[in-house]
C-alpha atoms as a PDB file:
ATOM      1  CA  UNK A   1       0.000   0.000   0.000  1.00  0.00           C
ATOM      2  CA  UNK A   2       1.208   3.497  -0.861  1.00  0.00           C
ATOM      3  CA  UNK A   3       1.472   5.384   2.450  1.00  0.00           C
ATOM      4  CA  UNK A   4       1.567   8.779   0.742  1.00  0.00           C
ATOM      5  CA  UNK A   5      -1.440  10.870   1.660  1.00  0.00           C
ATOM      6  CA  UNK A   6      -2.877   8.514   4.292  1.00  0.00           C
ATOM      7  CA  UNK A   7      -4.693  10.505   6.961  1.00  0.00           C
ATOM      8  CA  UNK A   8      -3.708   9.382  10.448  1.00  0.00           C
ATOM      9  CA  UNK A   9      -7.127  10.480  11.672  1.00  0.00           C
ATOM     10  CA  UNK A  10      -8.651   7.618   9.642  1.00  0.00           C
ATOM     11  CA  UNK A  11      -6.711   5.128  11.707  1.00  0.00           C
ATOM     12  CA  UNK A  12      -7.906   6.825  14.899  1.00  0.00           C
ATOM     13  CA  UNK A  13     -11.472   6.504  13.608  1.00  0.00           C
ATOM     14  CA  UNK A  14     -10.887   2.826  12.802  1.00  0.00           C
ATOM     15  CA  UNK A  15      -9.620   2.186  16.322  1.00  0.00           C
ATOM     16  CA  UNK A  16     -12.693   3.893  17.801  1.00  0.00           C
ATOM     17  CA  UNK A  17     -15.049   1.868  15.600  1.00  0.00           C
ATOM     18  CA  UNK A  18     -13.354  -1.344  16.685  1.00  0.00           C
ATOM     19  CA  UNK A  19     -13.808  -0.358  20.335  1.00  0.00           C
ATOM     20  CA  UNK A  20     -17.411   0.871  20.147  1.00  0.00           C
ATOM     21  CA  UNK A  21     -18.924  -1.116  17.208  1.00  0.00           C
ATOM     22  CA  UNK A  22     -21.260   1.866  16.741  1.00  0.00           C
ATOM     23  CA  UNK A  23     -20.746   4.916  14.521  1.00  0.00           C
ATOM     24  CA  UNK A  24     -22.331   7.433  16.914  1.00  0.00           C
ATOM     25  CA  UNK A  25     -20.523   6.186  20.014  1.00  0.00           C
ATOM     26  CA  UNK A  26     -17.238   5.946  18.109  1.00  0.00           C
ATOM     27  CA  UNK A  27     -17.659   9.563  17.040  1.00  0.00           C
ATOM     28  CA  UNK A  28     -18.322  10.674  20.614  1.00  0.00           C
ATOM     29  CA  UNK A  29     -15.232   8.742  21.754  1.00  0.00           C
ATOM     30  CA  UNK A  30     -12.915  10.831  19.553  1.00  0.00           C
ATOM     31  CA  UNK A  31     -14.924  14.047  19.358  1.00  0.00           C
ATOM     32  CA  UNK A  32     -16.486  13.676  15.895  1.00  0.00           C
ATOM     33  CA  UNK A  33     -20.054  13.946  14.672  1.00  0.00           C
ATOM     34  CA  UNK A  34     -21.971  10.946  13.317  1.00  0.00           C
ATOM     35  CA  UNK A  35     -21.756  12.231   9.691  1.00  0.00           C
ATOM     36  CA  UNK A  36     -17.998  12.746  10.045  1.00  0.00           C
ATOM     37  CA  UNK A  37     -17.590   9.192  11.313  1.00  0.00           C
ATOM     38  CA  UNK A  38     -19.699   7.808   8.480  1.00  0.00           C
ATOM     39  CA  UNK A  39     -17.505   9.681   6.011  1.00  0.00           C
ATOM     40  CA  UNK A  40     -14.373   8.330   7.714  1.00  0.00           C
ATOM     41  CA  UNK A  41     -15.715   4.766   7.471  1.00  0.00           C
ATOM     42  CA  UNK A  42     -16.355   5.234   3.752  1.00  0.00           C
ATOM     43  CA  UNK A  43     -12.778   6.421   3.254  1.00  0.00           C
ATOM     44  CA  UNK A  44     -11.450   3.492   5.301  1.00  0.00           C
ATOM     45  CA  UNK A  45     -13.362   1.035   3.124  1.00  0.00           C
ATOM     46  CA  UNK A  46     -11.873   2.611   0.010  1.00  0.00           C
ATOM     47  CA  UNK A  47      -8.393   2.634   1.525  1.00  0.00           C
ATOM     48  CA  UNK A  48      -8.391  -1.058   2.527  1.00  0.00           C
ATOM     49  CA  UNK A  49     -10.672  -2.326  -0.262  1.00  0.00           C
ATOM     50  CA  UNK A  50     -12.882  -4.033   2.299  1.00  0.00           C
ATOM     51  CA  UNK A  51     -16.199  -3.402   4.033  1.00  0.00           C
ATOM     52  CA  UNK A  52     -14.352  -3.563   7.410  1.00  0.00           C
ATOM     53  CA  UNK A  53     -17.609  -3.282   9.395  1.00  0.00           C
ATOM     54  CA  UNK A  54     -21.028  -4.733   8.535  1.00  0.00           C
ATOM     55  CA  UNK A  55     -24.305  -4.043  10.253  1.00  0.00           C
ATOM     56  CA  UNK A  56     -25.847  -6.697  12.507  1.00  0.00           C
ATOM     57  CA  UNK A  57     -28.635  -6.786  15.137  1.00  0.00           C
ATOM     58  CA  UNK A  58     -26.013  -6.195  17.847  1.00  0.00           C
ATOM     59  CA  UNK A  59     -24.183  -3.368  16.070  1.00  0.00           C
ATOM     60  CA  UNK A  60     -21.285  -3.160  13.649  1.00  0.00           C
ATOM     61  CA  UNK A  61     -19.349  -6.378  13.249  1.00  0.00           C
ATOM     62  CA  UNK A  62     -15.726  -6.307  12.015  1.00  0.00           C
ATOM     63  CA  UNK A  63     -14.816  -8.318   8.952  1.00  0.00           C
ATOM     64  CA  UNK A  64     -11.844 -10.722   9.029  1.00  0.00           C
ATOM     65  CA  UNK A  65      -9.771  -7.987   7.355  1.00  0.00           C
ATOM     66  CA  UNK A  66     -10.701  -5.536  10.131  1.00  0.00           C
ATOM     67  CA  UNK A  67      -9.782  -8.081  12.793  1.00  0.00           C
ATOM     68  CA  UNK A  68      -6.398  -8.597  11.130  1.00  0.00           C
ATOM     69  CA  UNK A  69      -5.796  -4.829  11.163  1.00  0.00           C
ATOM     70  CA  UNK A  70      -7.061  -4.200  14.692  1.00  0.00           C
ATOM     71  CA  UNK A  71      -4.112  -5.175  16.886  1.00  0.00           C
ATOM     72  CA  UNK A  72      -1.264  -3.841  14.677  1.00  0.00           C
ATOM     73  CA  UNK A  73      -2.997  -0.498  14.145  1.00  0.00           C
ATOM     74  CA  UNK A  74      -3.910  -0.169  17.817  1.00  0.00           C
ATOM     75  CA  UNK A  75      -0.307  -0.880  18.823  1.00  0.00           C
ATOM     76  CA  UNK A  76       0.976   1.613  16.246  1.00  0.00           C
ATOM     77  CA  UNK A  77      -1.349   4.349  17.500  1.00  0.00           C
ATOM     78  CA  UNK A  78      -0.321   3.650  21.089  1.00  0.00           C
ATOM     79  CA  UNK A  79       3.344   3.950  20.122  1.00  0.00           C
ATOM     80  CA  UNK A  80       2.697   7.235  18.335  1.00  0.00           C
ATOM     81  CA  UNK A  81       0.871   8.531  21.414  1.00  0.00           C
ATOM     82  CA  UNK A  82       3.751   7.541  23.690  1.00  0.00           C
ATOM     83  CA  UNK A  83       6.182   9.303  21.359  1.00  0.00           C
ATOM     84  CA  UNK A  84       4.100  12.471  21.334  1.00  0.00           C
ATOM     85  CA  UNK A  85       3.764  12.378  25.118  1.00  0.00           C
ATOM     86  CA  UNK A  86       7.543  11.987  25.433  1.00  0.00           C
ATOM     87  CA  UNK A  87       8.230  15.054  23.299  1.00  0.00           C
ATOM     88  CA  UNK A  88       5.748  17.168  25.283  1.00  0.00           C
ATOM     89  CA  UNK A  89       7.019  16.324  28.775  1.00  0.00           C
ATOM     90  CA  UNK A  90      10.356  15.427  30.314  1.00  0.00           C
ATOM     91  CA  UNK A  91      10.868  13.376  33.465  1.00  0.00           C
ATOM     92  CA  UNK A  92      14.545  13.774  34.437  1.00  0.00           C
ATOM     93  CA  UNK A  93      14.539  10.963  36.992  1.00  0.00           C
ATOM     94  CA  UNK A  94      13.335   8.416  34.416  1.00  0.00           C
ATOM     95  CA  UNK A  95      15.253   9.714  31.407  1.00  0.00           C
ATOM     96  CA  UNK A  96      18.111   7.905  29.662  1.00  0.00           C
ATOM     97  CA  UNK A  97      18.656  10.717  27.149  1.00  0.00           C
ATOM     98  CA  UNK A  98      22.089  11.712  25.862  1.00  0.00           C
ATOM     99  CA  UNK A  99      22.828  15.428  25.537  1.00  0.00           C
ATOM    100  CA  UNK A 100      25.729  16.906  23.613  1.00  0.00           C
ATOM    101  CA  UNK A 101      27.059  20.167  25.000  1.00  0.00           C
ATOM    102  CA  UNK A 102      29.688  22.237  23.187  1.00  0.00           C
ATOM    103  CA  UNK A 103      31.990  24.117  25.566  1.00  0.00           C
ATOM    104  CA  UNK A 104      35.031  26.305  25.308  1.00  0.00           C
ATOM    105  CA  UNK A 105      37.753  25.702  27.911  1.00  0.00           C
ATOM    106  CA  UNK A 106      36.612  28.207  30.496  1.00  0.00           C
ATOM    107  CA  UNK A 107      32.965  27.104  30.975  1.00  0.00           C
ATOM    108  CA  UNK A 108      34.101  23.477  30.892  1.00  0.00           C
ATOM    109  CA  UNK A 109      36.044  24.103  34.105  1.00  0.00           C
ATOM    110  CA  UNK A 110      33.585  26.540  35.655  1.00  0.00           C
ATOM    111  CA  UNK A 111      30.272  24.806  34.940  1.00  0.00           C
ATOM    112  CA  UNK A 112      30.862  21.098  34.363  1.00  0.00           C
ATOM    113  CA  UNK A 113      31.580  19.958  37.944  1.00  0.00           C
ATOM    114  CA  UNK A 114      28.337  21.446  39.296  1.00  0.00           C
ATOM    115  CA  UNK A 115      26.388  20.436  36.206  1.00  0.00           C
ATOM    116  CA  UNK A 116      27.375  16.806  36.664  1.00  0.00           C
ATOM    117  CA  UNK A 117      26.392  16.911  40.336  1.00  0.00           C
ATOM    118  CA  UNK A 118      22.930  18.204  39.337  1.00  0.00           C
ATOM    119  CA  UNK A 119      22.543  15.546  36.654  1.00  0.00           C
ATOM    120  CA  UNK A 120      23.573  12.772  39.032  1.00  0.00           C
ATOM    121  CA  UNK A 121      21.057  14.010  41.608  1.00  0.00           C
ATOM    122  CA  UNK A 122      18.109  14.736  39.304  1.00  0.00           C
ATOM    123  CA  UNK A 123      18.639  12.572  36.212  1.00  0.00           C
ATOM    124  CA  UNK A 124      21.031   9.698  36.998  1.00  0.00           C
ATOM    125  CA  UNK A 125      20.271   7.952  33.703  1.00  0.00           C
ATOM    126  CA  UNK A 126      21.185  10.948  31.549  1.00  0.00           C
ATOM    127  CA  UNK A 127      24.504  10.914  29.674  1.00  0.00           C
ATOM    128  CA  UNK A 128      26.339  14.147  28.889  1.00  0.00           C
ATOM    129  CA  UNK A 129      28.661  14.234  25.889  1.00  0.00           C
ATOM    130  CA  UNK A 130      30.965  17.283  25.738  1.00  0.00           C
ATOM    131  CA  UNK A 131      32.523  18.690  22.587  1.00  0.00           C
ATOM    132  CA  UNK A 132      35.095  21.458  22.488  1.00  0.00           C
ATOM    133  CA  UNK A 133      35.270  24.409  20.129  1.00  0.00           C
ATOM    134  CA  UNK A 134      37.582  27.375  19.658  1.00  0.00           C
ATOM    135  CA  UNK A 135      35.579  29.936  17.689  1.00  0.00           C
ATOM    136  CA  UNK A 136      32.071  31.147  16.951  1.00  0.00           C
ATOM    137  CA  UNK A 137      31.914  29.566  13.497  1.00  0.00           C
ATOM    138  CA  UNK A 138      32.747  26.133  14.854  1.00  0.00           C
ATOM    139  CA  UNK A 139      30.159  26.467  17.631  1.00  0.00           C
ATOM    140  CA  UNK A 140      27.484  27.591  15.176  1.00  0.00           C
ATOM    141  CA  UNK A 141      28.261  24.694  12.843  1.00  0.00           C
ATOM    142  CA  UNK A 142      27.804  22.236  15.716  1.00  0.00           C
ATOM    143  CA  UNK A 143      24.413  23.761  16.570  1.00  0.00           C
ATOM    144  CA  UNK A 144      23.249  24.033  12.949  1.00  0.00           C
ATOM    145  CA  UNK A 145      24.151  20.413  12.159  1.00  0.00           C
ATOM    146  CA  UNK A 146      22.593  19.069  15.332  1.00  0.00           C
ATOM    147  CA  UNK A 147      25.965  17.730  16.507  1.00  0.00           C
ATOM    148  CA  UNK A 148      25.450  19.758  19.718  1.00  0.00           C
ATOM    149  CA  UNK A 149      22.218  20.571  21.533  1.00  0.00           C
ATOM    150  CA  UNK A 150      23.639  23.700  23.179  1.00  0.00           C
ATOM    151  CA  UNK A 151      26.899  25.617  23.412  1.00  0.00           C
ATOM    152  CA  UNK A 152      28.475  27.824  26.075  1.00  0.00           C
ATOM    153  CA  UNK A 153      31.077  30.355  25.050  1.00  0.00           C
ATOM    154  CA  UNK A 154      31.704  34.045  24.512  1.00  0.00           C
ATOM    155  CA  UNK A 155      29.213  36.408  22.851  1.00  0.00           C
ATOM    156  CA  UNK A 156      28.997  36.304  19.077  1.00  0.00           C
ATOM    157  CA  UNK A 157      26.923  37.565  16.202  1.00  0.00           C
ATOM    158  CA  UNK A 158      24.968  34.370  15.671  1.00  0.00           C
ATOM    159  CA  UNK A 159      22.934  33.587  12.585  1.00  0.00           C
ATOM    160  CA  UNK A 160      19.161  34.031  12.674  1.00  0.00           C
ATOM    161  CA  UNK A 161      18.616  30.362  13.562  1.00  0.00           C
ATOM    162  CA  UNK A 162      20.672  30.558  16.782  1.00  0.00           C
ATOM    163  CA  UNK A 163      19.160  31.786  20.063  1.00  0.00           C
ATOM    164  CA  UNK A 164      21.233  32.798  23.083  1.00  0.00           C
ATOM    165  CA  UNK A 165      21.057  34.151  26.612  1.00  0.00           C
ATOM    166  CA  UNK A 166      23.748  35.658  28.896  1.00  0.00           C
ATOM    167  CA  UNK A 167      25.035  33.350  31.634  1.00  0.00           C
ATOM    168  CA  UNK A 168      27.784  34.963  33.697  1.00  0.00           C
ATOM    169  CA  UNK A 169      30.377  37.752  33.539  1.00  0.00           C
ATOM    170  CA  UNK A 170      34.117  37.355  33.831  1.00  0.00           C
ATOM    171  CA  UNK A 171      36.710  40.034  34.510  1.00  0.00           C
ATOM    172  CA  UNK A 172      40.434  39.838  33.954  1.00  0.00           C
ATOM    173  CA  UNK A 173      43.217  39.564  36.528  1.00  0.00           C
ATOM    174  CA  UNK A 174      46.969  39.295  36.085  1.00  0.00           C
ATOM    175  CA  UNK A 175      49.133  36.496  37.465  1.00  0.00           C
ATOM    176  CA  UNK A 176      52.861  36.090  38.094  1.00  0.00           C
ATOM    177  CA  UNK A 177      54.995  33.602  39.996  1.00  0.00           C
ATOM    178  CA  UNK A 178      55.664  34.063  43.691  1.00  0.00           C
ATOM    179  CA  UNK A 179      58.710  36.292  44.092  1.00  0.00           C
ATOM    180  CA  UNK A 180      58.374  37.887  40.651  1.00  0.00           C
ATOM    181  CA  UNK A 181      60.421  41.149  40.500  1.00  0.00           C
ATOM    182  CA  UNK A 182      57.342  43.049  39.243  1.00  0.00           C
ATOM    183  CA  UNK A 183      55.831  42.812  42.722  1.00  0.00           C
ATOM    184  CA  UNK A 184      58.909  44.225  44.464  1.00  0.00           C
ATOM    185  CA  UNK A 185      57.476  47.701  43.853  1.00  0.00           C
ATOM    186  CA  UNK A 186      54.133  49.249  42.965  1.00  0.00           C
ATOM    187  CA  UNK A 187      52.712  47.715  39.794  1.00  0.00           C
ATOM    188  CA  UNK A 188      52.620  50.581  37.329  1.00  0.00           C
ATOM    189  CA  UNK A 189      51.779  50.276  33.646  1.00  0.00           C
ATOM    190  CA  UNK A 190      55.380  51.115  32.741  1.00  0.00           C
ATOM    191  CA  UNK A 191      56.762  48.314  34.929  1.00  0.00           C
ATOM    192  CA  UNK A 192      53.961  45.975  33.746  1.00  0.00           C
ATOM    193  CA  UNK A 193      55.252  46.391  30.187  1.00  0.00           C
ATOM    194  CA  UNK A 194      58.885  45.804  31.140  1.00  0.00           C
ATOM    195  CA  UNK A 195      58.427  42.030  31.404  1.00  0.00           C
ATOM    196  CA  UNK A 196      57.412  39.458  28.750  1.00  0.00           C
ATOM    197  CA  UNK A 197      53.790  38.347  28.657  1.00  0.00           C
ATOM    198  CA  UNK A 198      51.907  35.109  28.067  1.00  0.00           C
ATOM    199  CA  UNK A 199      49.040  35.330  25.556  1.00  0.00           C
ATOM    200  CA  UNK A 200      46.192  32.802  25.504  1.00  0.00           C
ATOM    201  CA  UNK A 201      44.548  32.763  22.085  1.00  0.00           C
ATOM    202  CA  UNK A 202      42.311  29.774  21.246  1.00  0.00           C
ATOM    203  CA  UNK A 203      41.796  31.139  17.730  1.00  0.00           C
ATOM    204  CA  UNK A 204      45.496  31.737  17.082  1.00  0.00           C
ATOM    205  CA  UNK A 205      45.330  35.547  17.198  1.00  0.00           C
ATOM    206  CA  UNK A 206      48.467  37.507  18.059  1.00  0.00           C
ATOM    207  CA  UNK A 207      46.481  40.188  19.910  1.00  0.00           C
ATOM    208  CA  UNK A 208      44.156  40.006  22.851  1.00  0.00           C
ATOM    209  CA  UNK A 209      42.202  42.400  25.062  1.00  0.00           C
ATOM    210  CA  UNK A 210      45.402  43.652  26.675  1.00  0.00           C
ATOM    211  CA  UNK A 211      46.969  44.423  23.301  1.00  0.00           C
ATOM    212  CA  UNK A 212      43.851  46.202  22.064  1.00  0.00           C
ATOM    213  CA  UNK A 213      43.651  48.338  25.172  1.00  0.00           C
ATOM    214  CA  UNK A 214      47.351  49.185  24.966  1.00  0.00           C
ATOM    215  CA  UNK A 215      46.958  50.104  21.296  1.00  0.00           C
ATOM    216  CA  UNK A 216      44.340  52.681  22.286  1.00  0.00           C
ATOM    217  CA  UNK A 217      47.038  54.247  24.470  1.00  0.00           C
ATOM    218  CA  UNK A 218      49.684  54.037  21.750  1.00  0.00           C
ATOM    219  CA  UNK A 219      51.525  51.279  23.641  1.00  0.00           C
ATOM    220  CA  UNK A 220      52.344  47.606  23.142  1.00  0.00           C
ATOM    221  CA  UNK A 221      53.650  44.693  25.186  1.00  0.00           C
ATOM    222  CA  UNK A 222      56.334  42.112  24.518  1.00  0.00           C
ATOM    223  CA  UNK A 223      55.110  38.526  24.152  1.00  0.00           C
ATOM    224  CA  UNK A 224      57.135  35.629  25.444  1.00  0.00           C
ATOM    225  CA  UNK A 225      54.703  32.898  24.400  1.00  0.00           C
ATOM    226  CA  UNK A 226      51.247  32.494  22.882  1.00  0.00           C
ATOM    227  CA  UNK A 227      49.265  29.295  23.322  1.00  0.00           C
ATOM    228  CA  UNK A 228      45.751  28.044  22.549  1.00  0.00           C
ATOM    229  CA  UNK A 229      44.925  26.466  25.935  1.00  0.00           C
ATOM    230  CA  UNK A 230      44.369  28.794  28.883  1.00  0.00           C
ATOM    231  CA  UNK A 231      44.707  26.025  31.433  1.00  0.00           C
ATOM    232  CA  UNK A 232      48.312  25.369  30.376  1.00  0.00           C
ATOM    233  CA  UNK A 233      49.186  28.858  31.630  1.00  0.00           C
ATOM    234  CA  UNK A 234      49.612  28.211  35.402  1.00  0.00           C
ATOM    235  CA  UNK A 235      52.603  25.888  35.202  1.00  0.00           C
ATOM    236  CA  UNK A 236      54.291  28.083  32.579  1.00  0.00           C
ATOM    237  CA  UNK A 237      53.827  31.261  34.623  1.00  0.00           C
ATOM    238  CA  UNK A 238      54.935  29.509  37.829  1.00  0.00           C
ATOM    239  CA  UNK A 239      58.328  28.658  36.317  1.00  0.00           C
ATOM    240  CA  UNK A 240      59.114  31.891  34.444  1.00  0.00           C
ATOM    241  CA  UNK A 241      59.031  35.690  34.606  1.00  0.00           C
ATOM    242  CA  UNK A 242      56.052  35.800  32.263  1.00  0.00           C
ATOM    243  CA  UNK A 243      52.947  37.803  33.143  1.00  0.00           C
ATOM    244  CA  UNK A 244      49.590  36.274  32.238  1.00  0.00           C
ATOM    245  CA  UNK A 245      46.342  38.227  32.173  1.00  0.00           C
ATOM    246  CA  UNK A 246      43.497  35.742  32.430  1.00  0.00           C
ATOM    247  CA  UNK A 247      39.847  35.484  33.332  1.00  0.00           C
ATOM    248  CA  UNK A 248      39.338  35.470  37.071  1.00  0.00           C
ATOM    249  CA  UNK A 249      37.357  32.221  36.908  1.00  0.00           C
ATOM    250  CA  UNK A 250      40.265  30.484  35.211  1.00  0.00           C
ATOM    251  CA  UNK A 251      42.568  31.540  38.025  1.00  0.00           C
ATOM    252  CA  UNK A 252      40.128  30.414  40.706  1.00  0.00           C
ATOM    253  CA  UNK A 253      39.530  27.015  39.141  1.00  0.00           C
ATOM    254  CA  UNK A 254      42.971  25.999  37.917  1.00  0.00           C
ATOM    255  CA  UNK A 255      45.756  27.665  39.885  1.00  0.00           C
ATOM    256  CA  UNK A 256      45.562  25.605  43.062  1.00  0.00           C
ATOM    257  CA  UNK A 257      48.933  24.192  44.043  1.00  0.00           C
ATOM    258  CA  UNK A 258      50.963  26.713  42.039  1.00  0.00           C
ATOM    259  CA  UNK A 259      53.053  29.384  43.850  1.00  0.00           C
ATOM    260  CA  UNK A 260      51.431  32.334  42.076  1.00  0.00           C
ATOM    261  CA  UNK A 261      50.367  35.874  42.902  1.00  0.00           C
ATOM    262  CA  UNK A 262      47.222  37.512  41.542  1.00  0.00           C
ATOM    263  CA  UNK A 263      46.847  41.278  41.098  1.00  0.00           C
ATOM    264  CA  UNK A 264      44.733  43.814  39.242  1.00  0.00           C
ATOM    265  CA  UNK A 265      46.212  44.715  35.838  1.00  0.00           C
ATOM    266  CA  UNK A 266      47.253  48.385  35.654  1.00  0.00           C
ATOM    267  CA  UNK A 267      44.811  49.185  32.829  1.00  0.00           C
ATOM    268  CA  UNK A 268      41.041  48.966  32.502  1.00  0.00           C
ATOM    269  CA  UNK A 269      39.960  45.826  30.644  1.00  0.00           C
ATOM    270  CA  UNK A 270      36.428  44.926  29.488  1.00  0.00           C
ATOM    271  CA  UNK A 271      34.188  42.422  31.223  1.00  0.00           C
ATOM    272  CA  UNK A 272      33.329  39.362  29.144  1.00  0.00           C
ATOM    273  CA  UNK A 273      29.885  37.764  29.429  1.00  0.00           C
ATOM    274  CA  UNK A 274      29.647  34.071  28.600  1.00  0.00           C
ATOM    275  CA  UNK A 275      26.460  33.020  26.854  1.00  0.00           C
ATOM    276  CA  UNK A 276      24.379  29.883  26.358  1.00  0.00           C
ATOM    277  CA  UNK A 277      23.402  29.309  22.715  1.00  0.00           C
ATOM    278  CA  UNK A 278      21.077  26.796  21.056  1.00  0.00           C
ATOM    279  CA  UNK A 279      19.328  26.251  17.732  1.00  0.00           C
ATOM    280  CA  UNK A 280      15.856  27.718  17.276  1.00  0.00           C
ATOM    281  CA  UNK A 281      14.445  24.294  16.315  1.00  0.00           C
ATOM    282  CA  UNK A 282      15.277  23.014  19.823  1.00  0.00           C
ATOM    283  CA  UNK A 283      13.820  25.974  21.690  1.00  0.00           C
ATOM    284  CA  UNK A 284      10.611  24.243  22.823  1.00  0.00           C
ATOM    285  CA  UNK A 285      12.032  20.739  23.311  1.00  0.00           C
ATOM    286  CA  UNK A 286      11.239  19.818  26.953  1.00  0.00           C
ATOM    287  CA  UNK A 287      14.390  17.797  27.603  1.00  0.00           C
ATOM    288  CA  UNK A 288      16.686  20.418  26.145  1.00  0.00           C
ATOM    289  CA  UNK A 289      14.795  23.189  27.950  1.00  0.00           C
ATOM    290  CA  UNK A 290      15.466  21.328  31.188  1.00  0.00           C
ATOM    291  CA  UNK A 291      19.202  21.098  30.417  1.00  0.00           C
ATOM    292  CA  UNK A 292      19.433  24.778  29.509  1.00  0.00           C
ATOM    293  CA  UNK A 293      17.509  25.667  32.660  1.00  0.00           C
ATOM    294  CA  UNK A 294      19.897  23.922  35.029  1.00  0.00           C
ATOM    295  CA  UNK A 295      22.926  25.354  33.182  1.00  0.00           C
ATOM    296  CA  UNK A 296      21.486  28.840  33.714  1.00  0.00           C
ATOM    297  CA  UNK A 297      20.751  28.103  37.396  1.00  0.00           C
ATOM    298  CA  UNK A 298      24.310  26.888  37.980  1.00  0.00           C
ATOM    299  CA  UNK A 299      25.749  29.952  36.254  1.00  0.00           C
ATOM    300  CA  UNK A 300      23.633  32.275  38.413  1.00  0.00           C
ATOM    301  CA  UNK A 301      24.679  30.435  41.575  1.00  0.00           C
ATOM    302  CA  UNK A 302      28.362  30.580  40.604  1.00  0.00           C
ATOM    303  CA  UNK A 303      28.240  34.303  39.922  1.00  0.00           C
ATOM    304  CA  UNK A 304      25.537  35.600  42.247  1.00  0.00           C
ATOM    305  CA  UNK A 305      25.683  39.336  42.658  1.00  0.00           C
ATOM    306  CA  UNK A 306      27.591  39.999  39.442  1.00  0.00           C
ATOM    307  CA  UNK A 307      26.161  42.240  36.743  1.00  0.00           C
ATOM    308  CA  UNK A 308      26.053  40.925  33.199  1.00  0.00           C
ATOM    309  CA  UNK A 309      27.967  43.356  31.017  1.00  0.00           C
ATOM    310  CA  UNK A 310      28.241  42.491  27.356  1.00  0.00           C
ATOM    311  CA  UNK A 311      31.712  42.719  25.803  1.00  0.00           C
ATOM    312  CA  UNK A 312      33.498  41.151  22.888  1.00  0.00           C
ATOM    313  CA  UNK A 313      35.708  38.290  24.028  1.00  0.00           C
ATOM    314  CA  UNK A 314      38.797  36.884  22.399  1.00  0.00           C
ATOM    315  CA  UNK A 315      42.445  36.359  23.235  1.00  0.00           C
ATOM    316  CA  UNK A 316      43.797  37.263  26.640  1.00  0.00           C
END
């Protein structure tokens, strides 16, 4: 049989007729009038090339063809109903769903530990698959293709199909090793620029926020090393005279055990707001709404009391 153009409502009508064996009662069962049910029966007969139901003193009696169809069609309708119910509600405690979350380095360290604790407590059967990305284009490609259900990173000019919301702000601090000669005196901008600097640039840029701010002042700094991974910075800074200017959250989450000193950089740097992004087609999906909701809750808890100031983010 050619399935093209088959009206699912006809199968619902068939199931009601099998249950009630009466056109009027079958119509009442599914909210249709008697004429509408009679019309549906006529279409069913044409579709299956069989009378399906014949009149008798006790009501409509199914033909052998109708009896053959009854159980498979009833099971199919029940499965469709279960599928529709699943997509309209989400029960975390009973779910065995797998979510794919795209994260840049910073939110992976800041959010993932608490996110996994929430998942273990509320949805122990859920599996979280994490994918990394380094730039906006890569993150958008993951969302567009469906390879990721959501992404957390820095603000970007997303395409029209991508939705986003701010999560948490991050400000910059500078870090040097314990005993660094910079800290022997007051940290002035002139002395700050005397020493070589470490640049973290996931996208391979040679300039970061510090360089852009210095350029506004007609100044520049001397780089000693640039690297794509911000969490490689602590051990490098701890064993050199390099100065690293990093997001405060990175310092708080990765510098434990290193003999380092943290101080305010001697120039005003912008605040970066990390955002949660997802594809428009997933906006109303209950399971994904739940995941985005707990990510947002965790971000608010981690950064309670901080204002969300939008700024362009990039290399440090």
